[in-house]
Amino acid sequence: MAIKKEYDVAVVFSQDQDFSEVADEVRLIGTEQKRWVQVASAYPVSPTFRNGRGINRTNWIKIDRTTYQACLDTYNYGI
């Protein structure tokens, strides 16, 4: 989708650091296309949830657990 210029901002609802490589690739695509592209990591925060970090090299968006759960895709893609 980044290659096809279908978005300017991607929000990943995860804290999985493996996605930092994806964020790097998306920014590279934006640079090559001479356009602005951002990648953000939305993740839950609460007094009981200790991992207070988003994905490295993304913009971090702290959200409450209820909002985070409501945004998750629960479809089983057969993986």
PDB file of N, CA and C in Angstrom:
ATOM      1  N   MET A   1       0.820  -1.197   0.000  1.00  0.00           N
ATOM      2  CA  MET A   1       0.000   0.000   0.000  1.00  0.00           C
ATOM      3  C   MET A   1       0.864   1.260   0.000  1.00  0.00           C
ATOM      4  N   ALA A   2       2.007   1.212   0.671  1.00  0.00           N
ATOM      5  CA  ALA A   2       2.899   2.376   0.661  1.00  0.00           C
ATOM      6  C   ALA A   2       3.423   2.628  -0.749  1.00  0.00           C
ATOM      7  N   ILE A   3       3.774   1.575  -1.441  1.00  0.00           N
ATOM      8  CA  ILE A   3       4.284   1.718  -2.810  1.00  0.00           C
ATOM      9  C   ILE A   3       3.227   2.322  -3.723  1.00  0.00           C
ATOM     10  N   LYS A   4       1.967   1.957  -3.517  1.00  0.00           N
ATOM     11  CA  LYS A   4       0.867   2.453  -4.348  1.00  0.00           C
ATOM     12  C   LYS A   4       0.352   3.820  -3.895  1.00  0.00           C
ATOM     13  N   LYS A   5       1.006   4.410  -2.877  1.00  0.00           N
ATOM     14  CA  LYS A   5       0.634   5.722  -2.332  1.00  0.00           C
ATOM     15  C   LYS A   5      -0.804   5.725  -1.815  1.00  0.00           C
ATOM     16  N   GLU A   6      -1.202   4.647  -1.170  1.00  0.00           N
ATOM     17  CA  GLU A   6      -2.567   4.524  -0.666  1.00  0.00           C
ATOM     18  C   GLU A   6      -2.746   5.108   0.729  1.00  0.00           C
ATOM     19  N   TYR A   7      -1.674   5.561   1.361  1.00  0.00           N
ATOM     20  CA  TYR A   7      -1.787   6.209   2.671  1.00  0.00           C
ATOM     21  C   TYR A   7      -0.577   7.092   2.920  1.00  0.00           C
ATOM     22  N   ASP A   8      -0.749   8.013   3.859  1.00  0.00           N
ATOM     23  CA  ASP A   8       0.347   8.867   4.321  1.00  0.00           C
ATOM     24  C   ASP A   8       0.765   8.507   5.730  1.00  0.00           C
ATOM     25  N   VAL A   9      -0.171   7.936   6.498  1.00  0.00           N
ATOM     26  CA  VAL A   9       0.102   7.547   7.881  1.00  0.00           C
ATOM     27  C   VAL A   9      -0.405   6.133   8.105  1.00  0.00           C
ATOM     28  N   ALA A  10       0.455   5.284   8.644  1.00  0.00           N
ATOM     29  CA  ALA A  10       0.073   3.923   9.013  1.00  0.00           C
ATOM     30  C   ALA A  10       0.135   3.813  10.527  1.00  0.00           C
ATOM     31  N   VAL A  11      -0.924   3.291  11.121  1.00  0.00           N
ATOM     32  CA  VAL A  11      -0.946   3.065  12.569  1.00  0.00           C
ATOM     33  C   VAL A  11      -0.972   1.563  12.797  1.00  0.00           C
ATOM     34  N   VAL A  12       0.045   1.071  13.481  1.00  0.00           N
ATOM     35  CA  VAL A  12       0.162  -0.349  13.787  1.00  0.00           C
ATOM     36  C   VAL A  12      -0.219  -0.531  15.255  1.00  0.00           C
ATOM     37  N   PHE A  13      -1.217  -1.349  15.522  1.00  0.00           N
ATOM     38  CA  PHE A  13      -1.659  -1.601  16.888  1.00  0.00           C
ATOM     39  C   PHE A  13      -0.865  -2.789  17.429  1.00  0.00           C
ATOM     40  N   SER A  14       0.351  -2.501  17.846  1.00  0.00           N
ATOM     41  CA  SER A  14       1.254  -3.549  18.302  1.00  0.00           C
ATOM     42  C   SER A  14       2.443  -2.921  19.008  1.00  0.00           C
ATOM     43  N   GLN A  15       3.151  -3.764  19.760  1.00  0.00           N
ATOM     44  CA  GLN A  15       4.432  -3.389  20.347  1.00  0.00           C
ATOM     45  C   GLN A  15       5.529  -4.332  19.869  1.00  0.00           C
ATOM     46  N   ASP A  16       5.223  -5.151  18.903  1.00  0.00           N
ATOM     47  CA  ASP A  16       6.166  -6.141  18.374  1.00  0.00           C
ATOM     48  C   ASP A  16       7.300  -5.419  17.650  1.00  0.00           C
ATOM     49  N   GLN A  17       8.503  -5.520  18.196  1.00  0.00           N
ATOM     50  CA  GLN A  17       9.645  -4.797  17.648  1.00  0.00           C
ATOM     51  C   GLN A  17      10.050  -5.277  16.248  1.00  0.00           C
ATOM     52  N   ASP A  18       9.572  -6.432  15.817  1.00  0.00           N
ATOM     53  CA  ASP A  18       9.853  -6.878  14.450  1.00  0.00           C
ATOM     54  C   ASP A  18       9.281  -5.891  13.425  1.00  0.00           C
ATOM     55  N   PHE A  19       8.244  -5.144  13.808  1.00  0.00           N
ATOM     56  CA  PHE A  19       7.649  -4.170  12.898  1.00  0.00           C
ATOM     57  C   PHE A  19       8.532  -2.941  12.683  1.00  0.00           C
ATOM     58  N   SER A  20       9.599  -2.770  13.455  1.00  0.00           N
ATOM     59  CA  SER A  20      10.484  -1.622  13.245  1.00  0.00           C
ATOM     60  C   SER A  20      11.143  -1.691  11.873  1.00  0.00           C
ATOM     61  N   GLU A  21      11.396  -2.898  11.385  1.00  0.00           N
ATOM     62  CA  GLU A  21      11.959  -3.054  10.038  1.00  0.00           C
ATOM     63  C   GLU A  21      10.949  -2.622   8.980  1.00  0.00           C
ATOM     64  N   VAL A  22       9.677  -2.900   9.214  1.00  0.00           N
ATOM     65  CA  VAL A  22       8.619  -2.462   8.296  1.00  0.00           C
ATOM     66  C   VAL A  22       8.554  -0.937   8.281  1.00  0.00           C
ATOM     67  N   ALA A  23       8.641  -0.328   9.452  1.00  0.00           N
ATOM     68  CA  ALA A  23       8.605   1.134   9.540  1.00  0.00           C
ATOM     69  C   ALA A  23       9.762   1.747   8.750  1.00  0.00           C
ATOM     70  N   ASP A  24      10.942   1.166   8.859  1.00  0.00           N
ATOM     71  CA  ASP A  24      12.095   1.647   8.094  1.00  0.00           C
ATOM     72  C   ASP A  24      11.826   1.555   6.594  1.00  0.00           C
ATOM     73  N   GLU A  25      11.266   0.445   6.162  1.00  0.00           N
ATOM     74  CA  GLU A  25      10.988   0.227   4.738  1.00  0.00           C
ATOM     75  C   GLU A  25       9.946   1.230   4.224  1.00  0.00           C
ATOM     76  N   VAL A  26       8.909   1.477   5.018  1.00  0.00           N
ATOM     77  CA  VAL A  26       7.876   2.434   4.613  1.00  0.00           C
ATOM     78  C   VAL A  26       8.473   3.834   4.476  1.00  0.00           C
ATOM     79  N   ARG A  27       9.328   4.236   5.421  1.00  0.00           N
ATOM     80  CA  ARG A  27       9.967   5.553   5.325  1.00  0.00           C
ATOM     81  C   ARG A  27      10.870   5.629   4.098  1.00  0.00           C
ATOM     82  N   LEU A  28      11.583   4.554   3.784  1.00  0.00           N
ATOM     83  CA  LEU A  28      12.436   4.522   2.595  1.00  0.00           C
ATOM     84  C   LEU A  28      11.591   4.694   1.332  1.00  0.00           C
ATOM     85  N   ILE A  29      10.467   4.018   1.272  1.00  0.00           N
ATOM     86  CA  ILE A  29       9.559   4.154   0.126  1.00  0.00           C
ATOM     87  C   ILE A  29       9.118   5.608  -0.008  1.00  0.00           C
ATOM     88  N   GLY A  30       8.739   6.233   1.102  1.00  0.00           N
ATOM     89  CA  GLY A  30       8.337   7.627   1.074  1.00  0.00           C
ATOM     90  C   GLY A  30       9.447   8.536   0.575  1.00  0.00           C
ATOM     91  N   THR A  31      10.662   8.292   1.026  1.00  0.00           N
ATOM     92  CA  THR A  31      11.807   9.092   0.584  1.00  0.00           C
ATOM     93  C   THR A  31      12.029   8.928  -0.915  1.00  0.00           C
ATOM     94  N   GLU A  32      11.977   7.697  -1.385  1.00  0.00           N
ATOM     95  CA  GLU A  32      12.176   7.443  -2.814  1.00  0.00           C
ATOM     96  C   GLU A  32      11.081   8.083  -3.666  1.00  0.00           C
ATOM     97  N   GLN A  33       9.883   8.183  -3.118  1.00  0.00           N
ATOM     98  CA  GLN A  33       8.766   8.792  -3.844  1.00  0.00           C
ATOM     99  C   GLN A  33       8.668  10.295  -3.589  1.00  0.00           C
ATOM    100  N   LYS A  34       9.601  10.814  -2.774  1.00  0.00           N
ATOM    101  CA  LYS A  34       9.643  12.239  -2.431  1.00  0.00           C
ATOM    102  C   LYS A  34       8.315  12.700  -1.825  1.00  0.00           C
ATOM    103  N   ARG A  35       7.854  11.932  -0.831  1.00  0.00           N
ATOM    104  CA  ARG A  35       6.622  12.290  -0.134  1.00  0.00           C
ATOM    105  C   ARG A  35       6.755  11.973   1.345  1.00  0.00           C
ATOM    106  N   TRP A  36       5.889  12.596   2.125  1.00  0.00           N
ATOM    107  CA  TRP A  36       5.873  12.429   3.578  1.00  0.00           C
ATOM    108  C   TRP A  36       5.049  11.198   3.935  1.00  0.00           C
ATOM    109  N   VAL A  37       5.645  10.293   4.703  1.00  0.00           N
ATOM    110  CA  VAL A  37       4.963   9.095   5.194  1.00  0.00           C
ATOM    111  C   VAL A  37       5.375   8.887   6.643  1.00  0.00           C
ATOM    112  N   GLN A  38       4.413   8.577   7.514  1.00  0.00           N
ATOM    113  CA  GLN A  38       4.704   8.313   8.920  1.00  0.00           C
ATOM    114  C   GLN A  38       4.177   6.945   9.315  1.00  0.00           C
ATOM    115  N   VAL A  39       4.844   6.327  10.284  1.00  0.00           N
ATOM    116  CA  VAL A  39       4.380   5.075  10.867  1.00  0.00           C
ATOM    117  C   VAL A  39       4.275   5.301  12.377  1.00  0.00           C
ATOM    118  N   ALA A  40       3.126   4.943  12.932  1.00  0.00           N
ATOM    119  CA  ALA A  40       2.895   5.103  14.369  1.00  0.00           C
ATOM    120  C   ALA A  40       2.578   3.745  14.978  1.00  0.00           C
ATOM    121  N   SER A  41       2.916   3.607  16.243  1.00  0.00           N
ATOM    122  CA  SER A  41       2.633   2.396  17.006  1.00  0.00           C
ATOM    123  C   SER A  41       1.679   2.750  18.132  1.00  0.00           C
ATOM    124  N   ALA A  42       0.451   2.202  18.066  1.00  0.00           N
ATOM    125  CA  ALA A  42      -0.530   2.421  19.137  1.00  0.00           C
ATOM    126  C   ALA A  42      -0.485   1.220  20.071  1.00  0.00           C
ATOM    127  N   TYR A  43      -0.430   1.496  21.371  1.00  0.00           N
ATOM    128  CA  TYR A  43      -0.307   0.406  22.337  1.00  0.00           C
ATOM    129  C   TYR A  43      -0.993   0.783  23.639  1.00  0.00           C
ATOM    130  N   PRO A  44      -1.449  -0.238  24.382  1.00  0.00           N
ATOM    131  CA  PRO A  44      -2.193   0.040  25.608  1.00  0.00           C
ATOM    132  C   PRO A  44      -1.289   0.425  26.769  1.00  0.00           C
ATOM    133  N   VAL A  45      -1.802   1.313  27.602  1.00  0.00           N
ATOM    134  CA  VAL A  45      -1.120   1.664  28.849  1.00  0.00           C
ATOM    135  C   VAL A  45      -2.131   1.570  29.989  1.00  0.00           C
ATOM    136  N   SER A  46      -1.662   1.104  31.107  1.00  0.00           N
ATOM    137  CA  SER A  46      -2.486   1.032  32.313  1.00  0.00           C
ATOM    138  C   SER A  46      -1.559   0.801  33.492  1.00  0.00           C
ATOM    139  N   PRO A  47      -2.055   0.983  34.692  1.00  0.00           N
ATOM    140  CA  PRO A  47      -1.213   0.749  35.864  1.00  0.00           C
ATOM    141  C   PRO A  47      -0.714  -0.693  35.962  1.00  0.00           C
ATOM    142  N   THR A  48      -1.443  -1.644  35.377  1.00  0.00           N
ATOM    143  CA  THR A  48      -1.057  -3.057  35.477  1.00  0.00           C
ATOM    144  C   THR A  48      -0.260  -3.550  34.277  1.00  0.00           C
ATOM    145  N   PHE A  49      -0.166  -2.745  33.230  1.00  0.00           N
ATOM    146  CA  PHE A  49       0.555  -3.152  32.021  1.00  0.00           C
ATOM    147  C   PHE A  49       1.913  -2.477  32.029  1.00  0.00           C
ATOM    148  N   ARG A  50       2.968  -3.252  32.089  1.00  0.00           N
ATOM    149  CA  ARG A  50       4.303  -2.687  32.334  1.00  0.00           C
ATOM    150  C   ARG A  50       5.068  -2.251  31.094  1.00  0.00           C
ATOM    151  N   ASN A  51       4.785  -2.810  29.927  1.00  0.00           N
ATOM    152  CA  ASN A  51       5.568  -2.483  28.732  1.00  0.00           C
ATOM    153  C   ASN A  51       5.096  -1.157  28.149  1.00  0.00           C
ATOM    154  N   GLY A  52       5.708  -0.070  28.528  1.00  0.00           N
ATOM    155  CA  GLY A  52       5.308   1.265  28.106  1.00  0.00           C
ATOM    156  C   GLY A  52       6.052   1.786  26.899  1.00  0.00           C
ATOM    157  N   ARG A  53       6.300   0.930  25.919  1.00  0.00           N
ATOM    158  CA  ARG A  53       7.043   1.339  24.721  1.00  0.00           C
ATOM    159  C   ARG A  53       6.284   0.910  23.477  1.00  0.00           C
ATOM    160  N   GLY A  54       6.351   1.768  22.480  1.00  0.00           N
ATOM    161  CA  GLY A  54       5.842   1.398  21.173  1.00  0.00           C
ATOM    162  C   GLY A  54       6.947   0.742  20.360  1.00  0.00           C
ATOM    163  N   ILE A  55       6.696   0.597  19.099  1.00  0.00           N
ATOM    164  CA  ILE A  55       7.681  -0.004  18.189  1.00  0.00           C
ATOM    165  C   ILE A  55       8.796   1.006  17.945  1.00  0.00           C
ATOM    166  N   ASN A  56      10.029   0.556  18.018  1.00  0.00           N
ATOM    167  CA  ASN A  56      11.171   1.432  17.784  1.00  0.00           C
ATOM    168  C   ASN A  56      11.060   2.115  16.419  1.00  0.00           C
ATOM    169  N   ARG A  57      11.502   3.358  16.387  1.00  0.00           N
ATOM    170  CA  ARG A  57      11.546   4.165  15.168  1.00  0.00           C
ATOM    171  C   ARG A  57      10.157   4.445  14.580  1.00  0.00           C
ATOM    172  N   THR A  58       9.132   4.474  15.455  1.00  0.00           N
ATOM    173  CA  THR A  58       7.788   4.911  15.067  1.00  0.00           C
ATOM    174  C   THR A  58       7.340   5.976  16.060  1.00  0.00           C
ATOM    175  N   ASN A  59       6.283   6.682  15.727  1.00  0.00           N
ATOM    176  CA  ASN A  59       5.659   7.588  16.682  1.00  0.00           C
ATOM    177  C   ASN A  59       4.806   6.738  17.612  1.00  0.00           C
ATOM    178  N   TRP A  60       4.880   6.999  18.897  1.00  0.00           N
ATOM    179  CA  TRP A  60       4.151   6.184  19.874  1.00  0.00           C
ATOM    180  C   TRP A  60       2.846   6.867  20.251  1.00  0.00           C
ATOM    181  N   ILE A  61       1.772   6.086  20.242  1.00  0.00           N
ATOM    182  CA  ILE A  61       0.458   6.578  20.641  1.00  0.00           C
ATOM    183  C   ILE A  61      -0.034   5.712  21.792  1.00  0.00           C
ATOM    184  N   LYS A  62      -0.096   6.285  22.972  1.00  0.00           N
ATOM    185  CA  LYS A  62      -0.577   5.556  24.147  1.00  0.00           C
ATOM    186  C   LYS A  62      -2.100   5.613  24.171  1.00  0.00           C
ATOM    187  N   ILE A  63      -2.735   4.454  24.320  1.00  0.00           N
ATOM    188  CA  ILE A  63      -4.186   4.393  24.408  1.00  0.00           C
ATOM    189  C   ILE A  63      -4.584   3.479  25.552  1.00  0.00           C
ATOM    190  N   ASP A  64      -5.828   3.614  26.011  1.00  0.00           N
ATOM    191  CA  ASP A  64      -6.270   2.743  27.101  1.00  0.00           C
ATOM    192  C   ASP A  64      -6.565   1.344  26.558  1.00  0.00           C
ATOM    193  N   ARG A  65      -6.585   0.372  27.435  1.00  0.00           N
ATOM    194  CA  ARG A  65      -6.747  -1.039  27.059  1.00  0.00           C
ATOM    195  C   ARG A  65      -8.056  -1.285  26.302  1.00  0.00           C
ATOM    196  N   THR A  66      -9.141  -0.639  26.715  1.00  0.00           N
ATOM    197  CA  THR A  66     -10.434  -0.827  26.057  1.00  0.00           C
ATOM    198  C   THR A  66     -10.381  -0.368  24.598  1.00  0.00           C
ATOM    199  N   THR A  67      -9.795   0.785  24.368  1.00  0.00           N
ATOM    200  CA  THR A  67      -9.655   1.292  22.997  1.00  0.00           C
ATOM    201  C   THR A  67      -8.766   0.370  22.180  1.00  0.00           C
ATOM    202  N   TYR A  68      -7.673  -0.074  22.762  1.00  0.00           N
ATOM    203  CA  TYR A  68      -6.763  -0.989  22.065  1.00  0.00           C
ATOM    204  C   TYR A  68      -7.498  -2.259  21.643  1.00  0.00           C
ATOM    205  N   GLN A  69      -8.230  -2.870  22.564  1.00  0.00           N
ATOM    206  CA  GLN A  69      -8.958  -4.110  22.265  1.00  0.00           C
ATOM    207  C   GLN A  69      -9.990  -3.887  21.163  1.00  0.00           C
ATOM    208  N   ALA A  70     -10.654  -2.738  21.167  1.00  0.00           N
ATOM    209  CA  ALA A  70     -11.677  -2.436  20.163  1.00  0.00           C
ATOM    210  C   ALA A  70     -11.083  -2.269  18.765  1.00  0.00           C
ATOM    211  N   CYS A  71      -9.808  -1.947  18.672  1.00  0.00           N
ATOM    212  CA  CYS A  71      -9.160  -1.713  17.377  1.00  0.00           C
ATOM    213  C   CYS A  71      -8.541  -2.966  16.778  1.00  0.00           C
ATOM    214  N   LEU A  72      -8.443  -4.045  17.540  1.00  0.00           N
ATOM    215  CA  LEU A  72      -7.788  -5.250  17.048  1.00  0.00           C
ATOM    216  C   LEU A  72      -8.652  -5.969  16.027  1.00  0.00           C
ATOM    217  N   ASP A  73      -8.005  -6.513  15.025  1.00  0.00           N
ATOM    218  CA  ASP A  73      -8.675  -7.313  13.997  1.00  0.00           C
ATOM    219  C   ASP A  73      -8.750  -8.743  14.517  1.00  0.00           C
ATOM    220  N   THR A  74      -9.951  -9.238  14.757  1.00  0.00           N
ATOM    221  CA  THR A  74     -10.108 -10.581  15.323  1.00  0.00           C
ATOM    222  C   THR A  74     -10.398 -11.633  14.254  1.00  0.00           C
ATOM    223  N   TYR A  75     -10.332 -11.236  12.984  1.00  0.00           N
ATOM    224  CA  TYR A  75     -10.600 -12.200  11.908  1.00  0.00           C
ATOM    225  C   TYR A  75      -9.507 -13.256  11.866  1.00  0.00           C
ATOM    226  N   ASN A  76      -9.893 -14.504  11.706  1.00  0.00           N
ATOM    227  CA  ASN A  76      -8.931 -15.612  11.603  1.00  0.00           C
ATOM    228  C   ASN A  76      -8.555 -15.763  10.127  1.00  0.00           C
ATOM    229  N   TYR A  77      -7.354 -15.373   9.782  1.00  0.00           N
ATOM    230  CA  TYR A  77      -6.880 -15.435   8.405  1.00  0.00           C
ATOM    231  C   TYR A  77      -6.314 -16.803   8.042  1.00  0.00           C
ATOM    232  N   GLY A  78      -6.522 -17.792   8.911  1.00  0.00           N
ATOM    233  CA  GLY A  78      -6.064 -19.139   8.625  1.00  0.00           C
ATOM    234  C   GLY A  78      -4.574 -19.332   8.820  1.00  0.00           C
ATOM    235  N   ILE A  79      -3.983 -18.463   9.601  1.00  0.00           N
ATOM    236  CA  ILE A  79      -2.542 -18.561   9.846  1.00  0.00           C
ATOM    237  C   ILE A  79      -2.292 -19.478  11.003  1.00  0.00           C
TER     238      ILE A  79
END
